[in-house]
PDB file of all heavy atoms in Angstrom:
ATOM      1  N   LYS A   1       0.841  -1.197  -0.001  1.00  0.00           N
ATOM      2  CA  LYS A   1       0.000  -0.001   0.001  1.00  0.00           C
ATOM      3  C   LYS A   1       0.880   1.251   0.001  1.00  0.00           C
ATOM      4  O   LYS A   1       1.775   1.396   0.833  1.00  0.00           O
ATOM      5  CB  LYS A   1      -0.925   0.002   1.216  1.00  0.00           C
ATOM      6  CG  LYS A   1      -1.864   1.178   1.219  1.00  0.00           C
ATOM      7  CD  LYS A   1      -2.793   1.171   2.419  1.00  0.00           C
ATOM      8  CE  LYS A   1      -3.672   2.411   2.361  1.00  0.00           C
ATOM      9  NZ  LYS A   1      -4.542   2.529   3.494  1.00  0.00           N
ATOM     10  N   GLN A   2       0.636   2.124  -0.965  1.00  0.00           N
ATOM     11  CA  GLN A   2       1.295   3.427  -1.049  1.00  0.00           C
ATOM     12  C   GLN A   2       0.499   4.297  -2.022  1.00  0.00           C
ATOM     13  O   GLN A   2      -0.352   3.792  -2.740  1.00  0.00           O
ATOM     14  CB  GLN A   2       2.764   3.306  -1.485  1.00  0.00           C
ATOM     15  CG  GLN A   2       2.967   2.644  -2.824  1.00  0.00           C
ATOM     16  CD  GLN A   2       4.426   2.315  -3.110  1.00  0.00           C
ATOM     17  OE1 GLN A   2       5.351   2.774  -2.469  1.00  0.00           O
ATOM     18  NE2 GLN A   2       4.640   1.487  -4.110  1.00  0.00           N
ATOM     19  N   PHE A   3       0.749   5.585  -2.022  1.00  0.00           N
ATOM     20  CA  PHE A   3       0.006   6.541  -2.862  1.00  0.00           C
ATOM     21  C   PHE A   3      -1.496   6.502  -2.550  1.00  0.00           C
ATOM     22  O   PHE A   3      -2.317   6.814  -3.403  1.00  0.00           O
ATOM     23  CB  PHE A   3       0.222   6.276  -4.357  1.00  0.00           C
ATOM     24  CG  PHE A   3       1.654   6.279  -4.782  1.00  0.00           C
ATOM     25  CD1 PHE A   3       2.261   5.115  -5.224  1.00  0.00           C
ATOM     26  CD2 PHE A   3       2.401   7.445  -4.730  1.00  0.00           C
ATOM     27  CE1 PHE A   3       3.596   5.119  -5.625  1.00  0.00           C
ATOM     28  CE2 PHE A   3       3.734   7.456  -5.125  1.00  0.00           C
ATOM     29  CZ  PHE A   3       4.331   6.283  -5.563  1.00  0.00           C
ATOM     30  N   GLY A   4      -1.863   6.064  -1.361  1.00  0.00           N
ATOM     31  CA  GLY A   4      -3.270   5.982  -0.990  1.00  0.00           C
ATOM     32  C   GLY A   4      -4.019   4.859  -1.699  1.00  0.00           C
ATOM     33  O   GLY A   4      -5.244   4.855  -1.716  1.00  0.00           O
ATOM     34  N   LYS A   5      -3.270   3.907  -2.259  1.00  0.00           N
ATOM     35  CA  LYS A   5      -3.902   2.796  -2.979  1.00  0.00           C
ATOM     36  C   LYS A   5      -3.386   1.469  -2.426  1.00  0.00           C
ATOM     37  O   LYS A   5      -2.279   1.374  -1.926  1.00  0.00           O
ATOM     38  CB  LYS A   5      -3.607   2.883  -4.474  1.00  0.00           C
ATOM     39  CG  LYS A   5      -4.204   4.139  -5.089  1.00  0.00           C
ATOM     40  CD  LYS A   5      -4.035   4.140  -6.589  1.00  0.00           C
ATOM     41  CE  LYS A   5      -4.679   5.397  -7.163  1.00  0.00           C
ATOM     42  NZ  LYS A   5      -4.693   5.365  -8.610  1.00  0.00           N
ATOM     43  N   ARG A   6      -4.194   0.439  -2.559  1.00  0.00           N
ATOM     44  CA  ARG A   6      -3.885  -0.881  -2.025  1.00  0.00           C
ATOM     45  C   ARG A   6      -2.738  -1.552  -2.798  1.00  0.00           C
ATOM     46  O   ARG A   6      -2.420  -1.160  -3.917  1.00  0.00           O
ATOM     47  CB  ARG A   6      -5.130  -1.767  -2.095  1.00  0.00           C
ATOM     48  CG  ARG A   6      -5.560  -2.045  -3.526  1.00  0.00           C
ATOM     49  CD  ARG A   6      -6.715  -3.032  -3.623  1.00  0.00           C
ATOM     50  NE  ARG A   6      -7.213  -3.134  -4.965  1.00  0.00           N
ATOM     51  CZ  ARG A   6      -6.573  -3.719  -5.985  1.00  0.00           C
ATOM     52  NH1 ARG A   6      -5.404  -4.266  -5.819  1.00  0.00           N
ATOM     53  NH2 ARG A   6      -7.121  -3.762  -7.185  1.00  0.00           N
ATOM     54  N   ALA A   7      -2.163  -2.585  -2.207  1.00  0.00           N
ATOM     55  CA  ALA A   7      -1.187  -3.421  -2.908  1.00  0.00           C
ATOM     56  C   ALA A   7      -1.892  -4.043  -4.111  1.00  0.00           C
ATOM     57  O   ALA A   7      -3.043  -4.448  -4.021  1.00  0.00           O
ATOM     58  CB  ALA A   7      -0.655  -4.507  -1.980  1.00  0.00           C
ATOM     59  N   GLY A   8      -1.222  -4.086  -5.239  1.00  0.00           N
ATOM     60  CA  GLY A   8      -1.794  -4.648  -6.456  1.00  0.00           C
ATOM     61  C   GLY A   8      -2.478  -3.630  -7.350  1.00  0.00           C
ATOM     62  O   GLY A   8      -2.846  -3.945  -8.485  1.00  0.00           O
ATOM     63  N   ALA A   9      -2.657  -2.387  -6.873  1.00  0.00           N
ATOM     64  CA  ALA A   9      -3.293  -1.340  -7.683  1.00  0.00           C
ATOM     65  C   ALA A   9      -2.278  -0.755  -8.664  1.00  0.00           C
ATOM     66  O   ALA A   9      -1.113  -0.564  -8.334  1.00  0.00           O
ATOM     67  CB  ALA A   9      -3.841  -0.229  -6.791  1.00  0.00           C
ATOM     68  N   VAL A  10      -2.728  -0.469  -9.872  1.00  0.00           N
ATOM     69  CA  VAL A  10      -1.880   0.211 -10.855  1.00  0.00           C
ATOM     70  C   VAL A  10      -1.724   1.656 -10.407  1.00  0.00           C
ATOM     71  O   VAL A  10      -2.706   2.347 -10.149  1.00  0.00           O
ATOM     72  CB  VAL A  10      -2.487   0.146 -12.268  1.00  0.00           C
ATOM     73  CG1 VAL A  10      -1.662   0.960 -13.256  1.00  0.00           C
ATOM     74  CG2 VAL A  10      -2.603  -1.296 -12.738  1.00  0.00           C
ATOM     75  N   VAL A  11      -0.464   2.103 -10.272  1.00  0.00           N
ATOM     76  CA  VAL A  11      -0.199   3.460  -9.789  1.00  0.00           C
ATOM     77  C   VAL A  11       0.580   4.314 -10.787  1.00  0.00           C
ATOM     78  O   VAL A  11       0.829   5.489 -10.526  1.00  0.00           O
ATOM     79  CB  VAL A  11       0.547   3.437  -8.432  1.00  0.00           C
ATOM     80  CG1 VAL A  11      -0.349   2.896  -7.334  1.00  0.00           C
ATOM     81  CG2 VAL A  11       1.844   2.671  -8.525  1.00  0.00           C
ATOM     82  N   GLY A  12       0.977   3.745 -11.905  1.00  0.00           N
ATOM     83  CA  GLY A  12       1.738   4.531 -12.872  1.00  0.00           C
ATOM     84  C   GLY A  12       2.232   3.689 -14.024  1.00  0.00           C
ATOM     85  O   GLY A  12       1.772   2.565 -14.249  1.00  0.00           O
ATOM     86  N   HIS A  13       3.182   4.256 -14.734  1.00  0.00           N
ATOM     87  CA  HIS A  13       3.792   3.550 -15.862  1.00  0.00           C
ATOM     88  C   HIS A  13       5.203   4.072 -16.074  1.00  0.00           C
ATOM     89  O   HIS A  13       5.581   5.131 -15.564  1.00  0.00           O
ATOM     90  CB  HIS A  13       2.945   3.715 -17.140  1.00  0.00           C
ATOM     91  CG  HIS A  13       2.735   5.134 -17.550  1.00  0.00           C
ATOM     92  ND1 HIS A  13       3.616   5.837 -18.325  1.00  0.00           N
ATOM     93  CD2 HIS A  13       1.737   5.998 -17.259  1.00  0.00           C
ATOM     94  CE1 HIS A  13       3.174   7.066 -18.521  1.00  0.00           C
ATOM     95  NE2 HIS A  13       2.029   7.186 -17.865  1.00  0.00           N
ATOM     96  N   ASP A  14       5.988   3.304 -16.803  1.00  0.00           N
ATOM     97  CA  ASP A  14       7.310   3.769 -17.183  1.00  0.00           C
ATOM     98  C   ASP A  14       7.574   3.384 -18.634  1.00  0.00           C
ATOM     99  O   ASP A  14       6.867   2.561 -19.211  1.00  0.00           O
ATOM    100  CB  ASP A  14       8.413   3.255 -16.248  1.00  0.00           C
ATOM    101  CG  ASP A  14       8.630   1.750 -16.307  1.00  0.00           C
ATOM    102  OD1 ASP A  14       8.171   1.085 -17.249  1.00  0.00           O
ATOM    103  OD2 ASP A  14       9.276   1.224 -15.389  1.00  0.00           O
ATOM    104  N   SER A  15       8.567   4.020 -19.207  1.00  0.00           N
ATOM    105  CA  SER A  15       9.001   3.672 -20.554  1.00  0.00           C
ATOM    106  C   SER A  15      10.484   3.959 -20.649  1.00  0.00           C
ATOM    107  O   SER A  15      11.012   4.801 -19.918  1.00  0.00           O
ATOM    108  CB  SER A  15       8.221   4.452 -21.615  1.00  0.00           C
ATOM    109  OG  SER A  15       8.384   5.831 -21.431  1.00  0.00           O
ATOM    110  N   GLY A  16      11.138   3.226 -21.530  1.00  0.00           N
ATOM    111  CA  GLY A  16      12.569   3.418 -21.682  1.00  0.00           C
ATOM    112  C   GLY A  16      13.064   2.895 -23.008  1.00  0.00           C
ATOM    113  O   GLY A  16      12.397   2.089 -23.670  1.00  0.00           O
ATOM    114  N   ILE A  17      14.235   3.381 -23.373  1.00  0.00           N
ATOM    115  CA  ILE A  17      14.927   2.885 -24.557  1.00  0.00           C
ATOM    116  C   ILE A  17      16.197   2.216 -24.078  1.00  0.00           C
ATOM    117  O   ILE A  17      17.006   2.825 -23.374  1.00  0.00           O
ATOM    118  CB  ILE A  17      15.256   4.017 -25.537  1.00  0.00           C
ATOM    119  CG1 ILE A  17      13.964   4.649 -26.051  1.00  0.00           C
ATOM    120  CG2 ILE A  17      16.112   3.500 -26.691  1.00  0.00           C
ATOM    121  CD1 ILE A  17      14.172   5.853 -26.933  1.00  0.00           C
ATOM    122  N   ILE A  18      16.336   0.948 -24.445  1.00  0.00           N
ATOM    123  CA  ILE A  18      17.518   0.162 -24.089  1.00  0.00           C
ATOM    124  C   ILE A  18      18.354  -0.004 -25.349  1.00  0.00           C
ATOM    125  O   ILE A  18      17.825  -0.369 -26.398  1.00  0.00           O
ATOM    126  CB  ILE A  18      17.125  -1.228 -23.552  1.00  0.00           C
ATOM    127  CG1 ILE A  18      16.234  -1.077 -22.322  1.00  0.00           C
ATOM    128  CG2 ILE A  18      18.366  -2.069 -23.267  1.00  0.00           C
ATOM    129  CD1 ILE A  18      15.549  -2.369 -21.901  1.00  0.00           C
ATOM    130  N   VAL A  19      19.661   0.236 -25.239  1.00  0.00           N
ATOM    131  CA  VAL A  19      20.592  -0.012 -26.332  1.00  0.00           C
ATOM    132  C   VAL A  19      21.523  -1.114 -25.865  1.00  0.00           C
ATOM    133  O   VAL A  19      22.196  -0.976 -24.840  1.00  0.00           O
ATOM    134  CB  VAL A  19      21.393   1.260 -26.716  1.00  0.00           C
ATOM    135  CG1 VAL A  19      22.404   0.935 -27.815  1.00  0.00           C
ATOM    136  CG2 VAL A  19      20.459   2.383 -27.140  1.00  0.00           C
ATOM    137  N   ARG A  20      21.554  -2.216 -26.626  1.00  0.00           N
ATOM    138  CA  ARG A  20      22.408  -3.359 -26.273  1.00  0.00           C
ATOM    139  C   ARG A  20      23.872  -2.963 -26.444  1.00  0.00           C
ATOM    140  O   ARG A  20      24.263  -2.456 -27.485  1.00  0.00           O
ATOM    141  CB  ARG A  20      22.082  -4.555 -27.160  1.00  0.00           C
ATOM    142  CG  ARG A  20      22.883  -5.803 -26.815  1.00  0.00           C
ATOM    143  CD  ARG A  20      22.514  -6.962 -27.732  1.00  0.00           C
ATOM    144  NE  ARG A  20      21.263  -7.571 -27.317  1.00  0.00           N
ATOM    145  CZ  ARG A  20      21.162  -8.536 -26.406  1.00  0.00           C
ATOM    146  NH1 ARG A  20      22.238  -8.975 -25.796  1.00  0.00           N
ATOM    147  NH2 ARG A  20      20.001  -9.036 -26.097  1.00  0.00           N
ATOM    148  N   THR A  21      24.669  -3.198 -25.374  1.00  0.00           N
ATOM    149  CA  THR A  21      26.101  -2.887 -25.411  1.00  0.00           C
ATOM    150  C   THR A  21      26.969  -4.128 -25.308  1.00  0.00           C
ATOM    151  O   THR A  21      28.182  -4.048 -25.466  1.00  0.00           O
ATOM    152  CB  THR A  21      26.471  -1.911 -24.264  1.00  0.00           C
ATOM    153  OG1 THR A  21      26.120  -2.512 -23.021  1.00  0.00           O
ATOM    154  CG2 THR A  21      25.769  -0.571 -24.446  1.00  0.00           C
ATOM    155  N   GLY A  22      26.355  -5.262 -25.029  1.00  0.00           N
ATOM    156  CA  GLY A  22      27.080  -6.511 -24.907  1.00  0.00           C
ATOM    157  C   GLY A  22      26.099  -7.663 -24.917  1.00  0.00           C
ATOM    158  O   GLY A  22      24.885  -7.467 -24.976  1.00  0.00           O
ATOM    159  N   ALA A  23      26.623  -8.876 -24.831  1.00  0.00           N
ATOM    160  CA  ALA A  23      25.759 -10.057 -24.871  1.00  0.00           C
ATOM    161  C   ALA A  23      24.746 -10.063 -23.732  1.00  0.00           C
ATOM    162  O   ALA A  23      23.634 -10.558 -23.893  1.00  0.00           O
ATOM    163  CB  ALA A  23      26.612 -11.322 -24.817  1.00  0.00           C
ATOM    164  N   ARG A  24      25.124  -9.500 -22.586  1.00  0.00           N
ATOM    165  CA  ARG A  24      24.243  -9.510 -21.413  1.00  0.00           C
ATOM    166  C   ARG A  24      24.098  -8.146 -20.769  1.00  0.00           C
ATOM    167  O   ARG A  24      23.760  -8.049 -19.599  1.00  0.00           O
ATOM    168  CB  ARG A  24      24.788 -10.492 -20.382  1.00  0.00           C
ATOM    169  CG  ARG A  24      24.801 -11.904 -20.905  1.00  0.00           C
ATOM    170  CD  ARG A  24      25.337 -12.837 -19.895  1.00  0.00           C
ATOM    171  NE  ARG A  24      25.305 -14.184 -20.425  1.00  0.00           N
ATOM    172  CZ  ARG A  24      25.789 -15.220 -19.814  1.00  0.00           C
ATOM    173  NH1 ARG A  24      26.353 -15.085 -18.640  1.00  0.00           N
ATOM    174  NH2 ARG A  24      25.720 -16.419 -20.367  1.00  0.00           N
ATOM    175  N   SER A  25      24.334  -7.094 -21.544  1.00  0.00           N
ATOM    176  CA  SER A  25      24.282  -5.757 -20.955  1.00  0.00           C
ATOM    177  C   SER A  25      23.732  -4.739 -21.943  1.00  0.00           C
ATOM    178  O   SER A  25      23.725  -4.960 -23.152  1.00  0.00           O
ATOM    179  CB  SER A  25      25.672  -5.327 -20.492  1.00  0.00           C
ATOM    180  OG  SER A  25      26.554  -5.254 -21.605  1.00  0.00           O
ATOM    181  N   GLY A  26      23.289  -3.629 -21.374  1.00  0.00           N
ATOM    182  CA  GLY A  26      22.774  -2.532 -22.191  1.00  0.00           C
ATOM    183  C   GLY A  26      22.797  -1.243 -21.411  1.00  0.00           C
ATOM    184  O   GLY A  26      23.165  -1.202 -20.236  1.00  0.00           O
ATOM    185  N   MET A  27      22.421  -0.169 -22.076  1.00  0.00           N
ATOM    186  CA  MET A  27      22.253   1.140 -21.456  1.00  0.00           C
ATOM    187  C   MET A  27      20.787   1.507 -21.597  1.00  0.00           C
ATOM    188  O   MET A  27      20.182   1.230 -22.637  1.00  0.00           O
ATOM    189  CB  MET A  27      23.112   2.198 -22.158  1.00  0.00           C
ATOM    190  CG  MET A  27      24.608   1.971 -22.026  1.00  0.00           C
ATOM    191  SD  MET A  27      25.212   2.156 -20.343  1.00  0.00           S
ATOM    192  CE  MET A  27      24.952   3.889 -20.061  1.00  0.00           C
ATOM    193  N   ILE A  28      20.216   2.122 -20.568  1.00  0.00           N
ATOM    194  CA  ILE A  28      18.813   2.510 -20.612  1.00  0.00           C
ATOM    195  C   ILE A  28      18.667   3.984 -20.244  1.00  0.00           C
ATOM    196  O   ILE A  28      19.401   4.492 -19.398  1.00  0.00           O
ATOM    197  CB  ILE A  28      17.946   1.632 -19.673  1.00  0.00           C
ATOM    198  CG1 ILE A  28      16.452   1.947 -19.854  1.00  0.00           C
ATOM    199  CG2 ILE A  28      18.386   1.779 -18.241  1.00  0.00           C
ATOM    200  CD1 ILE A  28      15.514   0.981 -19.166  1.00  0.00           C
ATOM    201  N   VAL A  29      17.725   4.634 -20.904  1.00  0.00           N
ATOM    202  CA  VAL A  29      17.276   5.979 -20.559  1.00  0.00           C
ATOM    203  C   VAL A  29      15.772   5.874 -20.466  1.00  0.00           C
ATOM    204  O   VAL A  29      15.127   5.341 -21.377  1.00  0.00           O
ATOM    205  CB  VAL A  29      17.678   7.015 -21.631  1.00  0.00           C
ATOM    206  CG1 VAL A  29      17.072   8.374 -21.316  1.00  0.00           C
ATOM    207  CG2 VAL A  29      19.181   7.106 -21.747  1.00  0.00           C
ATOM    208  N   GLY A  30      15.189   6.344 -19.345  1.00  0.00           N
ATOM    209  CA  GLY A  30      13.753   6.179 -19.195  1.00  0.00           C
ATOM    210  C   GLY A  30      13.117   7.208 -18.297  1.00  0.00           C
ATOM    211  O   GLY A  30      13.788   8.053 -17.695  1.00  0.00           O
ATOM    212  N   VAL A  31      11.794   7.095 -18.222  1.00  0.00           N
ATOM    213  CA  VAL A  31      11.014   7.983 -17.371  1.00  0.00           C
ATOM    214  C   VAL A  31       9.870   7.189 -16.746  1.00  0.00           C
ATOM    215  O   VAL A  31       9.266   6.333 -17.395  1.00  0.00           O
ATOM    216  CB  VAL A  31      10.479   9.205 -18.161  1.00  0.00           C
ATOM    217  CG1 VAL A  31       9.508   8.791 -19.242  1.00  0.00           C
ATOM    218  CG2 VAL A  31       9.839  10.223 -17.237  1.00  0.00           C
ATOM    219  N   THR A  32       9.631   7.458 -15.476  1.00  0.00           N
ATOM    220  CA  THR A  32       8.551   6.831 -14.720  1.00  0.00           C
ATOM    221  C   THR A  32       7.533   7.894 -14.359  1.00  0.00           C
ATOM    222  O   THR A  32       7.901   8.984 -13.919  1.00  0.00           O
ATOM    223  CB  THR A  32       9.105   6.203 -13.424  1.00  0.00           C
ATOM    224  OG1 THR A  32      10.053   5.197 -13.766  1.00  0.00           O
ATOM    225  CG2 THR A  32       7.995   5.601 -12.574  1.00  0.00           C
ATOM    226  N   THR A  33       6.264   7.582 -14.547  1.00  0.00           N
ATOM    227  CA  THR A  33       5.187   8.482 -14.144  1.00  0.00           C
ATOM    228  C   THR A  33       4.443   7.845 -12.976  1.00  0.00           C
ATOM    229  O   THR A  33       3.951   6.719 -13.088  1.00  0.00           O
ATOM    230  CB  THR A  33       4.214   8.735 -15.313  1.00  0.00           C
ATOM    231  OG1 THR A  33       4.948   9.308 -16.401  1.00  0.00           O
ATOM    232  CG2 THR A  33       3.097   9.674 -14.895  1.00  0.00           C
ATOM    233  N   LEU A  34       4.428   8.556 -11.859  1.00  0.00           N
ATOM    234  CA  LEU A  34       3.747   8.114 -10.644  1.00  0.00           C
ATOM    235  C   LEU A  34       2.877   9.260 -10.138  1.00  0.00           C
ATOM    236  O   LEU A  34       3.035  10.403 -10.604  1.00  0.00           O
ATOM    237  CB  LEU A  34       4.778   7.738  -9.569  1.00  0.00           C
ATOM    238  CG  LEU A  34       5.632   6.508  -9.846  1.00  0.00           C
ATOM    239  CD1 LEU A  34       6.781   6.418  -8.851  1.00  0.00           C
ATOM    240  CD2 LEU A  34       4.792   5.249  -9.800  1.00  0.00           C
ATOM    241  N   PRO A  35       1.979   9.002  -9.190  1.00  0.00           N
ATOM    242  CA  PRO A  35       1.192  10.106  -8.636  1.00  0.00           C
ATOM    243  C   PRO A  35       2.119  11.223  -8.137  1.00  0.00           C
ATOM    244  O   PRO A  35       3.069  10.976  -7.409  1.00  0.00           O
ATOM    245  CB  PRO A  35       0.437   9.459  -7.481  1.00  0.00           C
ATOM    246  CG  PRO A  35       0.292   8.029  -7.902  1.00  0.00           C
ATOM    247  CD  PRO A  35       1.586   7.709  -8.605  1.00  0.00           C
ATOM    248  N   GLY A  36       1.894  12.418  -8.609  1.00  0.00           N
ATOM    249  CA  GLY A  36       2.690  13.563  -8.167  1.00  0.00           C
ATOM    250  C   GLY A  36       3.754  14.010  -9.137  1.00  0.00           C
ATOM    251  O   GLY A  36       4.352  15.060  -8.944  1.00  0.00           O
ATOM    252  N   GLY A  37       4.048  13.242 -10.195  1.00  0.00           N
ATOM    253  CA  GLY A  37       5.060  13.686 -11.153  1.00  0.00           C
ATOM    254  C   GLY A  37       5.772  12.554 -11.851  1.00  0.00           C
ATOM    255  O   GLY A  37       5.323  11.413 -11.859  1.00  0.00           O
TER     256      GLY A  37
END
C-alpha cells in the first residue's frame, strides 16, 4: 500500500529505450510516471 492505494493497484507507468552494449548488458534511458510527477 502506497500513494493511498492498495497493494496490487496500478499506480503509474514507465518507458525506456535500451541499447544493447554486450551479450548480457545494455544502457537505458527512461522515465517513470507516478502520482505527483
